[in-house]
């Protein structure tokens, strides 16, 4: 998706990007669909896991991603309803990281992803959590919404997916986002905040990976096409 500051949430930072990728790694099939490749933040990781076909509606972002990965991924410009006939399939897995919240018809988008997956294929989905956290940063990043856990589970089921729950992810991100977006109403994430996050994130990742998170900035789930 469009990323005016080159830093969509914190995902361009290696610490969080690697963490997200590690959460998906074991359930990525040989043929991967990347929904909303953006500037290639995850494309460059996914090409080491399988054959990647991706798309994004923003031409400048796709151009940046192509420059980053070269011919190691097949990348298209357009929204999912436009590019679906060109993507081929079926895919073993789909990756949709901080994208669904940008799409007005999120049910239609999930249904389209389901059509592109093989039976048993897995959708790795990360979205922002908690409507009460919606603030200036969400406006900057053109988020249509943030999600409640129960609502996202029901949305996936409505679109034809099954899942074992919709866990929280990245509890450390909440204080920084709340202060920046709700208290200070900043239009972007300041580099100082990103540096601070990187410095103190490892122990929080260790805890979450082993015990889970009682609350988090995001929701991160793996949903299967029956």
C-alpha atoms as a PDB file:
ATOM      1  CA  UNK A   1       0.000   0.000   0.000  1.00  0.00           C
ATOM      2  CA  UNK A   2       1.052   3.627  -0.335  1.00  0.00           C
ATOM      3  CA  UNK A   3       3.672   4.545   2.265  1.00  0.00           C
ATOM      4  CA  UNK A   4       4.376   8.286   2.200  1.00  0.00           C
ATOM      5  CA  UNK A   5       7.080   8.133   4.851  1.00  0.00           C
ATOM      6  CA  UNK A   6       8.798   4.918   3.791  1.00  0.00           C
ATOM      7  CA  UNK A   7       7.910   3.494   7.191  1.00  0.00           C
ATOM      8  CA  UNK A   8       4.504   1.841   7.469  1.00  0.00           C
ATOM      9  CA  UNK A   9       4.109   1.303  11.221  1.00  0.00           C
ATOM     10  CA  UNK A  10       7.486  -0.243  12.166  1.00  0.00           C
ATOM     11  CA  UNK A  11       7.569  -3.023   9.614  1.00  0.00           C
ATOM     12  CA  UNK A  12      10.496  -1.665   7.587  1.00  0.00           C
ATOM     13  CA  UNK A  13      12.674  -2.056  10.628  1.00  0.00           C
ATOM     14  CA  UNK A  14      14.472  -5.387  10.611  1.00  0.00           C
ATOM     15  CA  UNK A  15      13.486  -6.331  14.170  1.00  0.00           C
ATOM     16  CA  UNK A  16       9.744  -6.320  13.589  1.00  0.00           C
ATOM     17  CA  UNK A  17       9.898  -7.437   9.958  1.00  0.00           C
ATOM     18  CA  UNK A  18      11.982 -10.479  10.895  1.00  0.00           C
ATOM     19  CA  UNK A  19       9.651 -11.280  13.767  1.00  0.00           C
ATOM     20  CA  UNK A  20       6.596 -11.235  11.518  1.00  0.00           C
ATOM     21  CA  UNK A  21       8.356 -13.364   8.916  1.00  0.00           C
ATOM     22  CA  UNK A  22       9.496 -15.890  11.526  1.00  0.00           C
ATOM     23  CA  UNK A  23       5.891 -16.284  12.667  1.00  0.00           C
ATOM     24  CA  UNK A  24       4.883 -17.256   9.105  1.00  0.00           C
ATOM     25  CA  UNK A  25       7.951 -19.182   7.984  1.00  0.00           C
ATOM     26  CA  UNK A  26       6.884 -22.724   8.923  1.00  0.00           C
ATOM     27  CA  UNK A  27       3.549 -22.482   7.092  1.00  0.00           C
ATOM     28  CA  UNK A  28       4.650 -20.876   3.832  1.00  0.00           C
ATOM     29  CA  UNK A  29       4.101 -23.156   0.860  1.00  0.00           C
ATOM     30  CA  UNK A  30       6.227 -23.232  -2.296  1.00  0.00           C
ATOM     31  CA  UNK A  31       3.910 -20.821  -4.160  1.00  0.00           C
ATOM     32  CA  UNK A  32       3.159 -17.613  -2.282  1.00  0.00           C
ATOM     33  CA  UNK A  33       0.696 -14.802  -3.008  1.00  0.00           C
ATOM     34  CA  UNK A  34       1.618 -11.453  -1.450  1.00  0.00           C
ATOM     35  CA  UNK A  35      -1.425  -9.233  -1.052  1.00  0.00           C
ATOM     36  CA  UNK A  36      -0.246  -5.618  -0.959  1.00  0.00           C
ATOM     37  CA  UNK A  37       3.492  -5.973  -1.538  1.00  0.00           C
ATOM     38  CA  UNK A  38       4.070  -2.270  -0.827  1.00  0.00           C
ATOM     39  CA  UNK A  39       7.717  -1.274  -1.203  1.00  0.00           C
ATOM     40  CA  UNK A  40       8.940  -4.868  -0.842  1.00  0.00           C
ATOM     41  CA  UNK A  41       9.401  -5.055   2.919  1.00  0.00           C
ATOM     42  CA  UNK A  42       8.229  -8.664   3.051  1.00  0.00           C
ATOM     43  CA  UNK A  43       8.779  -9.515  -0.611  1.00  0.00           C
ATOM     44  CA  UNK A  44      12.517  -9.537  -0.019  1.00  0.00           C
ATOM     45  CA  UNK A  45      12.018 -12.058   2.766  1.00  0.00           C
ATOM     46  CA  UNK A  46       9.415 -14.195   1.023  1.00  0.00           C
ATOM     47  CA  UNK A  47      11.566 -14.833  -2.062  1.00  0.00           C
ATOM     48  CA  UNK A  48      13.791 -17.010   0.119  1.00  0.00           C
ATOM     49  CA  UNK A  49      10.788 -19.161   1.055  1.00  0.00           C
ATOM     50  CA  UNK A  50       9.162 -19.833  -2.332  1.00  0.00           C
ATOM     51  CA  UNK A  51       7.960 -18.470  -5.658  1.00  0.00           C
ATOM     52  CA  UNK A  52       6.288 -15.124  -4.993  1.00  0.00           C
ATOM     53  CA  UNK A  53       3.531 -13.414  -6.950  1.00  0.00           C
ATOM     54  CA  UNK A  54       2.469 -10.080  -5.483  1.00  0.00           C
ATOM     55  CA  UNK A  55       0.531  -6.944  -6.227  1.00  0.00           C
ATOM     56  CA  UNK A  56      -0.173  -3.469  -4.908  1.00  0.00           C
ATOM     57  CA  UNK A  57      -2.412  -0.632  -6.140  1.00  0.00           C
ATOM     58  CA  UNK A  58       0.348   1.968  -5.779  1.00  0.00           C
ATOM     59  CA  UNK A  59       2.645   2.054  -8.872  1.00  0.00           C
ATOM     60  CA  UNK A  60       5.490   3.824  -7.043  1.00  0.00           C
ATOM     61  CA  UNK A  61       5.538   1.174  -4.324  1.00  0.00           C
ATOM     62  CA  UNK A  62       5.609  -1.652  -6.870  1.00  0.00           C
ATOM     63  CA  UNK A  63       8.436   0.077  -8.733  1.00  0.00           C
ATOM     64  CA  UNK A  64      10.405   0.266  -5.479  1.00  0.00           C
ATOM     65  CA  UNK A  65       9.720  -3.407  -4.721  1.00  0.00           C
ATOM     66  CA  UNK A  66      10.807  -4.461  -8.208  1.00  0.00           C
ATOM     67  CA  UNK A  67      14.060  -2.549  -7.798  1.00  0.00           C
ATOM     68  CA  UNK A  68      14.593  -4.334  -4.495  1.00  0.00           C
ATOM     69  CA  UNK A  69      13.988  -7.926  -5.626  1.00  0.00           C
ATOM     70  CA  UNK A  70      14.570  -7.784  -9.390  1.00  0.00           C
ATOM     71  CA  UNK A  71      13.149 -10.746 -11.275  1.00  0.00           C
ATOM     72  CA  UNK A  72      12.939 -12.928  -8.153  1.00  0.00           C
ATOM     73  CA  UNK A  73       9.231 -12.114  -7.766  1.00  0.00           C
ATOM     74  CA  UNK A  74       6.359 -11.448 -10.153  1.00  0.00           C
ATOM     75  CA  UNK A  75       4.769  -8.148  -9.141  1.00  0.00           C
ATOM     76  CA  UNK A  76       1.633  -6.507 -10.542  1.00  0.00           C
ATOM     77  CA  UNK A  77       0.069  -3.048 -10.172  1.00  0.00           C
ATOM     78  CA  UNK A  78      -3.601  -2.950  -9.221  1.00  0.00           C
ATOM     79  CA  UNK A  79      -6.192  -3.763  -6.588  1.00  0.00           C
ATOM     80  CA  UNK A  80      -7.123  -7.379  -6.052  1.00  0.00           C
ATOM     81  CA  UNK A  81     -10.329  -7.159  -8.083  1.00  0.00           C
ATOM     82  CA  UNK A  82      -8.293  -5.859 -11.039  1.00  0.00           C
ATOM     83  CA  UNK A  83      -5.334  -8.233 -10.930  1.00  0.00           C
ATOM     84  CA  UNK A  84      -7.034 -11.443  -9.769  1.00  0.00           C
ATOM     85  CA  UNK A  85      -7.422 -12.822 -13.335  1.00  0.00           C
ATOM     86  CA  UNK A  86      -3.698 -12.240 -13.986  1.00  0.00           C
ATOM     87  CA  UNK A  87      -2.320 -13.871 -10.873  1.00  0.00           C
ATOM     88  CA  UNK A  88      -2.817 -17.511 -11.757  1.00  0.00           C
ATOM     89  CA  UNK A  89      -3.073 -20.076  -9.058  1.00  0.00           C
ATOM     90  CA  UNK A  90      -3.764 -21.884  -6.990  1.00  0.00           C
ATOM     91  CA  UNK A  91      -1.340 -20.676  -4.326  1.00  0.00           C
ATOM     92  CA  UNK A  92      -0.153 -22.653  -1.309  1.00  0.00           C
ATOM     93  CA  UNK A  93      -0.172 -19.630   0.959  1.00  0.00           C
ATOM     94  CA  UNK A  94      -1.120 -15.953   0.965  1.00  0.00           C
ATOM     95  CA  UNK A  95       0.486 -13.171   2.967  1.00  0.00           C
ATOM     96  CA  UNK A  96      -1.528 -10.051   3.852  1.00  0.00           C
ATOM     97  CA  UNK A  97       0.440  -7.883   6.270  1.00  0.00           C
ATOM     98  CA  UNK A  98      -1.056  -4.530   7.313  1.00  0.00           C
ATOM     99  CA  UNK A  99      -3.156  -4.357   4.152  1.00  0.00           C
ATOM    100  CA  UNK A 100      -6.738  -5.441   4.869  1.00  0.00           C
ATOM    101  CA  UNK A 101      -7.420  -2.342   6.960  1.00  0.00           C
ATOM    102  CA  UNK A 102      -6.888  -0.215   3.813  1.00  0.00           C
ATOM    103  CA  UNK A 103      -9.568  -1.984   1.769  1.00  0.00           C
ATOM    104  CA  UNK A 104     -13.181  -0.752   2.046  1.00  0.00           C
ATOM    105  CA  UNK A 105     -14.632  -4.111   0.935  1.00  0.00           C
ATOM    106  CA  UNK A 106     -12.554  -6.322   3.196  1.00  0.00           C
ATOM    107  CA  UNK A 107     -14.988  -9.240   2.915  1.00  0.00           C
ATOM    108  CA  UNK A 108     -14.715  -9.186  -0.873  1.00  0.00           C
ATOM    109  CA  UNK A 109     -10.921  -9.041  -0.624  1.00  0.00           C
ATOM    110  CA  UNK A 110     -10.805 -12.062   1.685  1.00  0.00           C
ATOM    111  CA  UNK A 111     -13.144 -13.993  -0.591  1.00  0.00           C
ATOM    112  CA  UNK A 112     -10.881 -13.211  -3.555  1.00  0.00           C
ATOM    113  CA  UNK A 113      -7.839 -14.425  -1.626  1.00  0.00           C
ATOM    114  CA  UNK A 114      -9.715 -17.624  -0.819  1.00  0.00           C
ATOM    115  CA  UNK A 115     -10.419 -18.218  -4.504  1.00  0.00           C
ATOM    116  CA  UNK A 116      -6.704 -17.952  -5.232  1.00  0.00           C
ATOM    117  CA  UNK A 117      -5.654 -20.462  -2.550  1.00  0.00           C
ATOM    118  CA  UNK A 118      -5.661 -24.222  -2.986  1.00  0.00           C
ATOM    119  CA  UNK A 119      -7.784 -26.250  -0.557  1.00  0.00           C
ATOM    120  CA  UNK A 120      -5.789 -26.360   2.647  1.00  0.00           C
ATOM    121  CA  UNK A 121      -3.876 -23.215   1.672  1.00  0.00           C
ATOM    122  CA  UNK A 122      -3.065 -20.797   4.483  1.00  0.00           C
ATOM    123  CA  UNK A 123      -3.635 -17.050   4.720  1.00  0.00           C
ATOM    124  CA  UNK A 124      -1.221 -15.231   7.042  1.00  0.00           C
ATOM    125  CA  UNK A 125      -3.054 -12.097   8.111  1.00  0.00           C
ATOM    126  CA  UNK A 126      -1.819  -9.181  10.230  1.00  0.00           C
ATOM    127  CA  UNK A 127      -4.115  -6.217  10.944  1.00  0.00           C
ATOM    128  CA  UNK A 128      -4.151  -3.351  13.478  1.00  0.00           C
ATOM    129  CA  UNK A 129      -6.112  -4.071  16.646  1.00  0.00           C
ATOM    130  CA  UNK A 130      -8.408  -2.022  18.903  1.00  0.00           C
ATOM    131  CA  UNK A 131     -10.674   0.669  17.411  1.00  0.00           C
ATOM    132  CA  UNK A 132      -9.947   2.800  20.500  1.00  0.00           C
ATOM    133  CA  UNK A 133      -6.351   3.161  19.259  1.00  0.00           C
ATOM    134  CA  UNK A 134      -7.434   4.748  15.970  1.00  0.00           C
ATOM    135  CA  UNK A 135      -5.682   8.112  15.715  1.00  0.00           C
ATOM    136  CA  UNK A 136      -3.494  10.412  13.658  1.00  0.00           C
ATOM    137  CA  UNK A 137      -1.156   7.652  12.475  1.00  0.00           C
ATOM    138  CA  UNK A 138      -4.092   5.619  11.175  1.00  0.00           C
ATOM    139  CA  UNK A 139      -5.238   8.674   9.237  1.00  0.00           C
ATOM    140  CA  UNK A 140      -1.762   9.145   7.763  1.00  0.00           C
ATOM    141  CA  UNK A 141      -1.559   5.490   6.726  1.00  0.00           C
ATOM    142  CA  UNK A 142      -5.073   5.646   5.264  1.00  0.00           C
ATOM    143  CA  UNK A 143      -6.540   2.964   7.508  1.00  0.00           C
ATOM    144  CA  UNK A 144     -10.263   2.435   7.083  1.00  0.00           C
ATOM    145  CA  UNK A 145     -10.486   0.722  10.457  1.00  0.00           C
ATOM    146  CA  UNK A 146      -8.813  -1.143  13.307  1.00  0.00           C
ATOM    147  CA  UNK A 147     -10.175  -4.559  14.308  1.00  0.00           C
ATOM    148  CA  UNK A 148     -11.645  -6.194  17.365  1.00  0.00           C
ATOM    149  CA  UNK A 149     -10.532  -9.786  17.824  1.00  0.00           C
ATOM    150  CA  UNK A 150     -14.014 -11.308  17.772  1.00  0.00           C
ATOM    151  CA  UNK A 151     -15.001  -9.257  14.718  1.00  0.00           C
ATOM    152  CA  UNK A 152     -11.961 -10.392  12.740  1.00  0.00           C
ATOM    153  CA  UNK A 153     -12.645 -14.033  13.560  1.00  0.00           C
ATOM    154  CA  UNK A 154     -16.222 -13.677  12.355  1.00  0.00           C
ATOM    155  CA  UNK A 155     -15.064 -11.835   9.233  1.00  0.00           C
ATOM    156  CA  UNK A 156     -12.722 -14.682   8.299  1.00  0.00           C
ATOM    157  CA  UNK A 157     -15.444 -17.258   8.809  1.00  0.00           C
ATOM    158  CA  UNK A 158     -17.863 -15.216   6.721  1.00  0.00           C
ATOM    159  CA  UNK A 159     -15.298 -15.188   3.905  1.00  0.00           C
ATOM    160  CA  UNK A 160     -14.982 -18.967   4.056  1.00  0.00           C
ATOM    161  CA  UNK A 161     -11.841 -19.432   6.163  1.00  0.00           C
ATOM    162  CA  UNK A 162     -11.372 -21.523   9.275  1.00  0.00           C
ATOM    163  CA  UNK A 163      -8.930 -20.649  12.048  1.00  0.00           C
ATOM    164  CA  UNK A 164      -7.862 -21.660  15.534  1.00  0.00           C
ATOM    165  CA  UNK A 165      -8.160 -18.191  17.010  1.00  0.00           C
ATOM    166  CA  UNK A 166      -7.071 -14.632  16.383  1.00  0.00           C
ATOM    167  CA  UNK A 167      -4.224 -13.870  18.802  1.00  0.00           C
ATOM    168  CA  UNK A 168      -2.805 -10.494  19.703  1.00  0.00           C
ATOM    169  CA  UNK A 169       0.662  -9.532  18.498  1.00  0.00           C
ATOM    170  CA  UNK A 170       3.238  -6.904  19.511  1.00  0.00           C
ATOM    171  CA  UNK A 171       2.098  -5.740  22.921  1.00  0.00           C
ATOM    172  CA  UNK A 172       5.110  -3.436  23.183  1.00  0.00           C
ATOM    173  CA  UNK A 173       3.813  -1.386  20.258  1.00  0.00           C
ATOM    174  CA  UNK A 174       0.742  -0.130  22.125  1.00  0.00           C
ATOM    175  CA  UNK A 175       2.328   2.540  24.399  1.00  0.00           C
ATOM    176  CA  UNK A 176       4.288   4.189  21.588  1.00  0.00           C
ATOM    177  CA  UNK A 177       1.334   4.157  19.183  1.00  0.00           C
ATOM    178  CA  UNK A 178      -1.034   5.535  21.837  1.00  0.00           C
ATOM    179  CA  UNK A 179       1.264   8.410  22.745  1.00  0.00           C
ATOM    180  CA  UNK A 180       2.118   9.283  19.131  1.00  0.00           C
ATOM    181  CA  UNK A 181      -1.356   8.860  17.613  1.00  0.00           C
ATOM    182  CA  UNK A 182      -3.747   9.715  20.446  1.00  0.00           C
ATOM    183  CA  UNK A 183      -1.875  12.024  22.806  1.00  0.00           C
ATOM    184  CA  UNK A 184       0.579  13.934  20.606  1.00  0.00           C
ATOM    185  CA  UNK A 185      -1.428  13.342  17.405  1.00  0.00           C
ATOM    186  CA  UNK A 186       1.735  13.047  15.334  1.00  0.00           C
ATOM    187  CA  UNK A 187       1.378  12.475  11.570  1.00  0.00           C
ATOM    188  CA  UNK A 188       4.186   9.919  11.422  1.00  0.00           C
ATOM    189  CA  UNK A 189       6.375   7.679  13.548  1.00  0.00           C
ATOM    190  CA  UNK A 190       9.457   9.542  14.655  1.00  0.00           C
ATOM    191  CA  UNK A 191      12.842   7.902  14.239  1.00  0.00           C
ATOM    192  CA  UNK A 192      13.555   8.227  17.934  1.00  0.00           C
ATOM    193  CA  UNK A 193      10.510   6.153  18.761  1.00  0.00           C
ATOM    194  CA  UNK A 194      11.534   3.517  16.233  1.00  0.00           C
ATOM    195  CA  UNK A 195      15.046   3.346  17.704  1.00  0.00           C
ATOM    196  CA  UNK A 196      13.666   2.971  21.202  1.00  0.00           C
ATOM    197  CA  UNK A 197      11.364   0.172  20.046  1.00  0.00           C
ATOM    198  CA  UNK A 198      14.253  -1.722  18.449  1.00  0.00           C
ATOM    199  CA  UNK A 199      16.354  -1.393  21.579  1.00  0.00           C
ATOM    200  CA  UNK A 200      13.832  -2.874  23.999  1.00  0.00           C
ATOM    201  CA  UNK A 201      11.875  -5.248  21.719  1.00  0.00           C
ATOM    202  CA  UNK A 202      13.890  -8.508  22.099  1.00  0.00           C
ATOM    203  CA  UNK A 203      12.709  -9.482  25.610  1.00  0.00           C
ATOM    204  CA  UNK A 204       9.096  -8.734  24.701  1.00  0.00           C
ATOM    205  CA  UNK A 205       9.413 -10.910  21.604  1.00  0.00           C
ATOM    206  CA  UNK A 206      10.869 -13.713  23.757  1.00  0.00           C
ATOM    207  CA  UNK A 207       7.875 -13.541  26.112  1.00  0.00           C
ATOM    208  CA  UNK A 208       5.250 -13.363  23.347  1.00  0.00           C
ATOM    209  CA  UNK A 209       6.732 -16.226  21.355  1.00  0.00           C
ATOM    210  CA  UNK A 210       6.511 -18.493  24.373  1.00  0.00           C
ATOM    211  CA  UNK A 211       3.498 -17.290  26.323  1.00  0.00           C
ATOM    212  CA  UNK A 212       1.437 -15.274  23.851  1.00  0.00           C
ATOM    213  CA  UNK A 213       0.239 -11.715  24.416  1.00  0.00           C
ATOM    214  CA  UNK A 214      -2.774 -10.690  26.528  1.00  0.00           C
ATOM    215  CA  UNK A 215      -3.071  -7.550  24.397  1.00  0.00           C
ATOM    216  CA  UNK A 216      -1.285  -6.218  21.328  1.00  0.00           C
ATOM    217  CA  UNK A 217      -1.044  -3.463  18.747  1.00  0.00           C
ATOM    218  CA  UNK A 218      -2.044  -5.978  16.064  1.00  0.00           C
ATOM    219  CA  UNK A 219      -3.912  -9.207  15.445  1.00  0.00           C
ATOM    220  CA  UNK A 220      -1.946 -11.942  13.652  1.00  0.00           C
ATOM    221  CA  UNK A 221      -3.525 -15.182  12.552  1.00  0.00           C
ATOM    222  CA  UNK A 222      -3.144 -18.057  10.120  1.00  0.00           C
ATOM    223  CA  UNK A 223      -6.462 -18.985   8.492  1.00  0.00           C
ATOM    224  CA  UNK A 224      -7.010 -21.977   6.240  1.00  0.00           C
ATOM    225  CA  UNK A 225      -9.110 -22.398   3.148  1.00  0.00           C
ATOM    226  CA  UNK A 226     -11.119 -25.610   3.733  1.00  0.00           C
END
